[in-house]
Amino acid sequence: MASGEGASPLYAWFNTHGLIIAAGLIGFAFLESVARLFLSRPVLHRTVALNLGMWMVELLLRTGTGALRWGAFVALAAFAPVTWSLRAPTWLLLYVLVDLFYYTRHRLLHTTAVGWALHAPHHASVDLSLTSSLRLGWVQRTIDDFFYLPLVLLGFPPLAVFIVIELNHASQFWCHTEIIGRLPLLDALINTPSNHRVHHAQDRAWADSNYGSTLMLWDRLFRTYRAEPGPLPLGWSTPYAGCNPFIIQFRAMREWWSAKAPSSNAGK
């Protein structure tokens, strides 16, 4: 942390409200579990435990690499030709840009072999519940933030960028559920459960769409938007990953590495 940054009001807000937001999201996940019990579609306890367990490992990894990410942002910010003052229009512009960067990053994770190897753990679940949003690739989450580095060169303060990244990610939490149906007025504009179920489809022809985090603007602009046609099987197109966190986290990476590695017979 840069000198004096830790005592800033913005940093204090980030620490306090980050914990409040996390607690609120877990609370909503509990309410969803209760609602699914009444709908006779309960979430399996082992699935919730698996998702929360993988999230805890992710938090440890991100905490351990936090100084590296923060240092890179602060170092690059020194080369920014301008610095934006943090007013309401600046925050709004930054959020829109973060959303666009998220769309670009997310699309690359789906359309490149190494990207999918890193991102596949998030798509392993065959049953979408709110805790599914916490099932993310451990390796991917240690490097995600570096994709947003150009924003500090545009003059946005590093801490503001980090805060907006986290808020942008949190906006997707409610999309990971099967108990909210289509919302016609919202589906066309923002990411919703209906839009995101398409993105989690087992068939990659459907899953390679609806990349946006908050806005569907980018998917419509770049023609990657797909409306939900009806119930779609969810999860990996390859066999079910089960509940082994290491298979979920590393099988796709192992398959990518095996395909990338030269054949043992090469050159003979």
Protein backbone atom coordinates (compact mmCIF):
# COMPACT_ATOMS: atom_id res chain seq x y z
CA MET A 1 0.00 0.00 0.00
CA ALA A 2 1.31 3.40 -0.93
CA SER A 3 2.22 5.74 1.86
CA GLY A 4 -0.86 7.24 3.50
CA GLU A 5 -3.22 5.11 1.38
CA GLY A 6 -4.13 2.77 4.22
CA ALA A 7 -5.53 5.68 6.27
CA SER A 8 -7.55 7.21 3.45
CA PRO A 9 -11.36 7.37 3.78
CA LEU A 10 -11.65 5.45 0.50
CA TYR A 11 -9.55 2.58 1.85
CA ALA A 12 -11.58 2.52 5.09
CA TRP A 13 -14.79 2.37 3.04
CA PHE A 14 -13.40 -0.50 0.98
CA ASN A 15 -12.48 -2.56 4.07
CA THR A 16 -15.74 -1.95 5.93
CA HIS A 17 -18.19 -2.27 3.08
CA GLY A 18 -16.34 -5.17 1.48
CA LEU A 19 -17.09 -7.27 4.58
CA ILE A 20 -20.70 -6.05 4.67
CA ILE A 21 -21.22 -6.92 1.01
CA ALA A 22 -19.70 -10.39 1.48
CA ALA A 23 -21.92 -11.06 4.50
CA GLY A 24 -24.97 -9.88 2.58
CA LEU A 25 -24.23 -12.18 -0.36
CA ILE A 26 -23.87 -15.20 1.92
CA GLY A 27 -27.17 -14.22 3.54
CA PHE A 28 -28.91 -14.20 0.15
CA ALA A 29 -27.42 -17.62 -0.59
CA PHE A 30 -28.98 -18.93 2.64
CA LEU A 31 -32.38 -17.48 1.70
CA GLU A 32 -32.13 -19.11 -1.73
CA SER A 33 -31.42 -22.47 -0.07
CA VAL A 34 -34.56 -22.07 2.06
CA ALA A 35 -36.63 -21.11 -1.01
CA ARG A 36 -35.36 -24.14 -2.91
CA LEU A 37 -36.40 -26.40 -0.03
CA PHE A 38 -39.98 -25.11 -0.35
CA LEU A 39 -39.80 -25.64 -4.12
CA SER A 40 -38.57 -29.21 -3.63
CA ARG A 41 -35.33 -28.35 -5.42
CA PRO A 42 -32.87 -28.35 -2.52
CA VAL A 43 -29.21 -27.48 -2.95
CA LEU A 44 -27.03 -30.42 -1.93
CA HIS A 45 -25.08 -29.68 1.26
CA ARG A 46 -21.90 -31.15 -0.23
CA THR A 47 -22.22 -28.78 -3.21
CA VAL A 48 -22.52 -25.73 -0.95
CA ALA A 49 -19.58 -26.96 1.16
CA LEU A 50 -17.53 -27.53 -2.00
CA ASN A 51 -18.27 -24.05 -3.35
CA LEU A 52 -17.52 -22.34 -0.05
CA GLY A 53 -14.36 -24.40 0.43
CA MET A 54 -13.01 -23.48 -2.99
CA TRP A 55 -13.88 -19.84 -2.31
CA MET A 56 -11.87 -19.90 0.91
CA VAL A 57 -8.83 -21.25 -0.95
CA GLU A 58 -9.30 -18.52 -3.57
CA LEU A 59 -9.38 -15.84 -0.87
CA LEU A 60 -6.15 -17.17 0.62
CA LEU A 61 -4.45 -17.18 -2.78
CA ARG A 62 -5.65 -13.68 -3.63
CA THR A 63 -4.56 -12.41 -0.23
CA GLY A 64 -1.14 -13.95 -0.71
CA THR A 65 -0.69 -12.35 -4.13
CA GLY A 66 -2.41 -9.06 -3.24
CA ALA A 67 0.80 -7.11 -2.66
CA LEU A 68 2.08 -8.13 -6.11
CA ARG A 69 -1.09 -6.98 -7.84
CA TRP A 70 -1.29 -3.75 -5.86
CA GLY A 71 2.38 -2.98 -6.48
CA ALA A 72 1.95 -3.40 -10.23
CA PHE A 73 -1.04 -1.01 -10.25
CA VAL A 74 0.70 1.64 -8.17
CA ALA A 75 3.91 1.41 -10.21
CA LEU A 76 2.05 1.82 -13.50
CA ALA A 77 -0.09 4.67 -12.15
CA ALA A 78 3.09 6.76 -11.86
CA PHE A 79 3.19 6.88 -15.67
CA ALA A 80 -0.39 8.09 -16.12
CA PRO A 81 -0.41 11.46 -17.92
CA VAL A 82 -3.52 12.60 -15.98
CA THR A 83 -5.30 11.70 -12.74
CA TRP A 84 -9.09 11.77 -12.48
CA SER A 85 -10.77 13.29 -9.44
CA LEU A 86 -13.23 10.87 -7.83
CA ARG A 87 -16.60 12.42 -8.56
CA ALA A 88 -19.85 10.68 -9.49
CA PRO A 89 -19.30 10.90 -13.29
CA THR A 90 -15.78 9.46 -12.83
CA TRP A 91 -17.08 6.49 -10.87
CA LEU A 92 -19.77 5.87 -13.49
CA LEU A 93 -17.29 6.06 -16.36
CA LEU A 94 -14.90 3.74 -14.52
CA TYR A 95 -17.67 1.20 -13.91
CA VAL A 96 -18.64 1.16 -17.59
CA LEU A 97 -15.00 0.72 -18.61
CA VAL A 98 -14.46 -2.07 -16.07
CA ASP A 99 -17.56 -3.77 -17.46
CA LEU A 100 -16.16 -3.53 -21.00
CA PHE A 101 -12.78 -4.87 -19.85
CA TYR A 102 -14.58 -7.71 -18.08
CA TYR A 103 -16.47 -8.60 -21.27
CA THR A 104 -13.22 -8.67 -23.26
CA ARG A 105 -11.38 -10.74 -20.66
CA HIS A 106 -14.29 -13.14 -20.24
CA ARG A 107 -14.59 -13.68 -23.98
CA LEU A 108 -10.86 -14.44 -24.24
CA LEU A 109 -11.20 -16.97 -21.41
CA HIS A 110 -13.78 -18.81 -23.50
CA THR A 111 -12.26 -18.52 -26.95
CA THR A 112 -8.61 -19.37 -26.24
CA ALA A 113 -7.34 -22.78 -25.16
CA VAL A 114 -5.29 -21.51 -22.23
CA GLY A 115 -8.12 -19.17 -21.20
CA TRP A 116 -10.61 -22.03 -21.00
CA ALA A 117 -8.13 -24.15 -19.06
CA LEU A 118 -8.05 -21.40 -16.41
CA HIS A 119 -11.77 -20.60 -16.49
CA ALA A 120 -13.34 -24.07 -16.77
CA PRO A 121 -13.68 -24.60 -12.99
CA HIS A 122 -16.42 -21.98 -12.87
CA HIS A 123 -18.43 -23.96 -15.43
CA ALA A 124 -18.15 -27.35 -13.72
CA SER A 125 -21.40 -27.13 -11.74
CA VAL A 126 -24.44 -28.93 -13.16
CA ASP A 127 -26.75 -27.13 -10.74
CA LEU A 128 -26.67 -23.35 -10.50
CA SER A 129 -27.17 -21.87 -7.06
CA LEU A 130 -25.92 -18.59 -5.64
CA THR A 131 -22.84 -20.21 -4.13
CA SER A 132 -21.89 -21.36 -7.65
CA SER A 133 -20.71 -17.80 -8.24
CA LEU A 134 -17.97 -18.46 -5.67
CA ARG A 135 -16.63 -21.51 -7.55
CA LEU A 136 -13.84 -19.87 -9.55
CA GLY A 137 -10.52 -20.98 -10.97
CA TRP A 138 -7.75 -20.56 -8.40
CA VAL A 139 -5.04 -19.80 -10.93
CA GLN A 140 -7.28 -17.47 -12.93
CA ARG A 141 -8.19 -15.43 -9.85
CA THR A 142 -4.56 -14.75 -8.96
CA ILE A 143 -3.98 -13.03 -12.34
CA ASP A 144 -7.41 -11.61 -13.27
CA ASP A 145 -6.74 -8.10 -12.01
CA PHE A 146 -3.72 -7.56 -14.25
CA PHE A 147 -6.09 -7.37 -17.24
CA TYR A 148 -7.39 -4.04 -15.87
CA LEU A 149 -3.96 -2.41 -15.62
CA PRO A 150 -4.55 -0.08 -18.63
CA LEU A 151 -7.22 1.71 -16.59
CA VAL A 152 -4.62 3.20 -14.24
CA LEU A 153 -2.72 4.48 -17.28
CA LEU A 154 -5.92 6.31 -18.22
CA GLY A 155 -5.67 8.16 -14.90
CA PHE A 156 -8.02 6.22 -12.61
CA PRO A 157 -6.60 5.77 -9.06
CA PRO A 158 -5.53 2.15 -8.40
CA LEU A 159 -7.69 1.75 -5.29
CA ALA A 160 -10.75 3.04 -7.17
CA VAL A 161 -10.10 0.50 -9.94
CA PHE A 162 -9.85 -2.33 -7.39
CA ILE A 163 -13.09 -1.28 -5.70
CA VAL A 164 -15.02 -1.09 -8.97
CA ILE A 165 -13.64 -4.47 -10.09
CA GLU A 166 -14.99 -6.04 -6.89
CA LEU A 167 -18.37 -4.31 -7.22
CA ASN A 168 -18.58 -5.39 -10.86
CA HIS A 169 -17.91 -9.00 -9.89
CA ALA A 170 -20.47 -8.81 -7.07
CA SER A 171 -23.14 -7.67 -9.54
CA GLN A 172 -23.17 -11.19 -11.04
CA PHE A 173 -23.91 -12.99 -7.78
CA TRP A 174 -27.69 -12.97 -8.20
CA CYS A 175 -27.40 -14.37 -11.74
CA HIS A 176 -26.30 -17.80 -10.52
CA THR A 177 -29.70 -19.28 -9.74
CA GLU A 178 -32.36 -21.44 -11.33
CA ILE A 179 -35.32 -20.24 -9.27
CA ILE A 180 -35.67 -16.86 -11.01
CA GLY A 181 -37.21 -17.18 -14.45
CA ARG A 182 -37.05 -14.81 -17.38
CA LEU A 183 -37.32 -11.08 -16.72
CA PRO A 184 -38.19 -9.66 -20.16
CA LEU A 185 -37.68 -5.99 -19.26
CA LEU A 186 -34.26 -6.67 -17.72
CA ASP A 187 -32.98 -9.58 -19.82
CA ALA A 188 -32.49 -7.29 -22.80
CA LEU A 189 -30.43 -4.77 -20.84
CA ILE A 190 -28.44 -6.39 -18.04
CA ASN A 191 -27.03 -9.72 -16.98
CA THR A 192 -29.83 -11.76 -15.37
CA PRO A 193 -30.30 -15.35 -14.21
CA SER A 194 -31.86 -16.21 -17.57
CA ASN A 195 -28.96 -14.72 -19.54
CA HIS A 196 -26.39 -16.35 -17.29
CA ARG A 197 -27.94 -19.81 -17.44
CA VAL A 198 -27.31 -19.70 -21.19
CA HIS A 199 -23.67 -18.86 -20.45
CA HIS A 200 -23.41 -21.91 -18.18
CA ALA A 201 -24.93 -24.30 -20.72
CA GLN A 202 -23.20 -27.62 -21.27
CA ASP A 203 -23.23 -27.03 -25.03
CA ARG A 204 -20.39 -24.62 -25.84
CA ALA A 205 -22.39 -23.24 -28.77
CA TRP A 206 -24.62 -21.67 -26.11
CA ALA A 207 -22.03 -21.17 -23.37
CA ASP A 208 -19.79 -19.05 -25.61
CA SER A 209 -22.18 -16.10 -25.33
CA ASN A 210 -23.52 -13.60 -22.80
CA TYR A 211 -20.06 -12.67 -21.52
CA GLY A 212 -21.09 -9.37 -19.91
CA SER A 213 -20.82 -8.85 -16.17
CA THR A 214 -23.49 -6.20 -15.57
CA LEU A 215 -24.49 -4.91 -19.01
CA MET A 216 -25.67 -6.89 -22.02
CA LEU A 217 -24.69 -3.88 -24.15
CA TRP A 218 -21.34 -5.41 -25.14
CA ASP A 219 -22.85 -8.77 -26.10
CA ARG A 220 -25.44 -7.06 -28.26
CA LEU A 221 -22.86 -4.73 -29.78
CA PHE A 222 -20.43 -7.56 -30.61
CA ARG A 223 -23.17 -10.10 -31.47
CA THR A 224 -22.53 -12.59 -28.71
CA TYR A 225 -25.94 -12.29 -27.06
CA ARG A 226 -28.17 -15.40 -26.90
CA ALA A 227 -31.62 -15.42 -25.30
CA GLU A 228 -32.53 -18.44 -23.21
CA PRO A 229 -34.48 -20.88 -25.43
CA GLY A 230 -35.68 -22.98 -22.51
CA PRO A 231 -34.05 -25.31 -19.98
CA LEU A 232 -30.48 -26.17 -20.97
CA PRO A 233 -28.22 -28.85 -19.43
CA LEU A 234 -25.52 -27.13 -17.38
CA GLY A 235 -21.89 -27.91 -16.64
CA TRP A 236 -18.95 -29.22 -18.66
CA SER A 237 -19.43 -30.84 -22.05
CA THR A 238 -16.88 -33.44 -20.89
CA PRO A 239 -17.85 -35.94 -18.14
CA TYR A 240 -19.19 -34.68 -14.83
CA ALA A 241 -16.41 -33.41 -12.57
CA GLY A 242 -17.96 -34.67 -9.33
CA CYS A 243 -17.06 -33.06 -6.00
CA ASN A 244 -13.30 -33.42 -6.03
CA PRO A 245 -12.02 -29.81 -5.92
CA PHE A 246 -8.67 -30.75 -7.45
CA ILE A 247 -10.32 -32.42 -10.46
CA ILE A 248 -12.54 -29.36 -10.87
CA GLN A 249 -9.61 -26.97 -10.60
CA PHE A 250 -6.96 -28.75 -12.62
CA ARG A 251 -8.48 -31.26 -15.08
CA ALA A 252 -8.96 -28.69 -17.84
CA MET A 253 -5.47 -27.34 -17.26
CA ARG A 254 -4.01 -30.85 -17.46
CA GLU A 255 -5.91 -31.50 -20.70
CA TRP A 256 -4.68 -28.22 -22.16
CA TRP A 257 -1.10 -28.97 -21.19
CA SER A 258 -1.31 -32.49 -22.64
CA ALA A 259 -2.65 -31.15 -25.92
CA LYS A 260 0.04 -28.46 -25.98
CA ALA A 261 2.97 -30.73 -25.13
CA PRO A 262 4.82 -32.24 -28.10
CA SER A 263 4.21 -35.92 -28.78
CA SER A 264 6.74 -38.29 -27.26
CA ASN A 265 7.29 -39.63 -30.76
CA ALA A 266 8.06 -36.20 -32.23
CA GLY A 267 11.40 -36.06 -34.01
CA LYS A 268 11.82 -39.85 -34.18
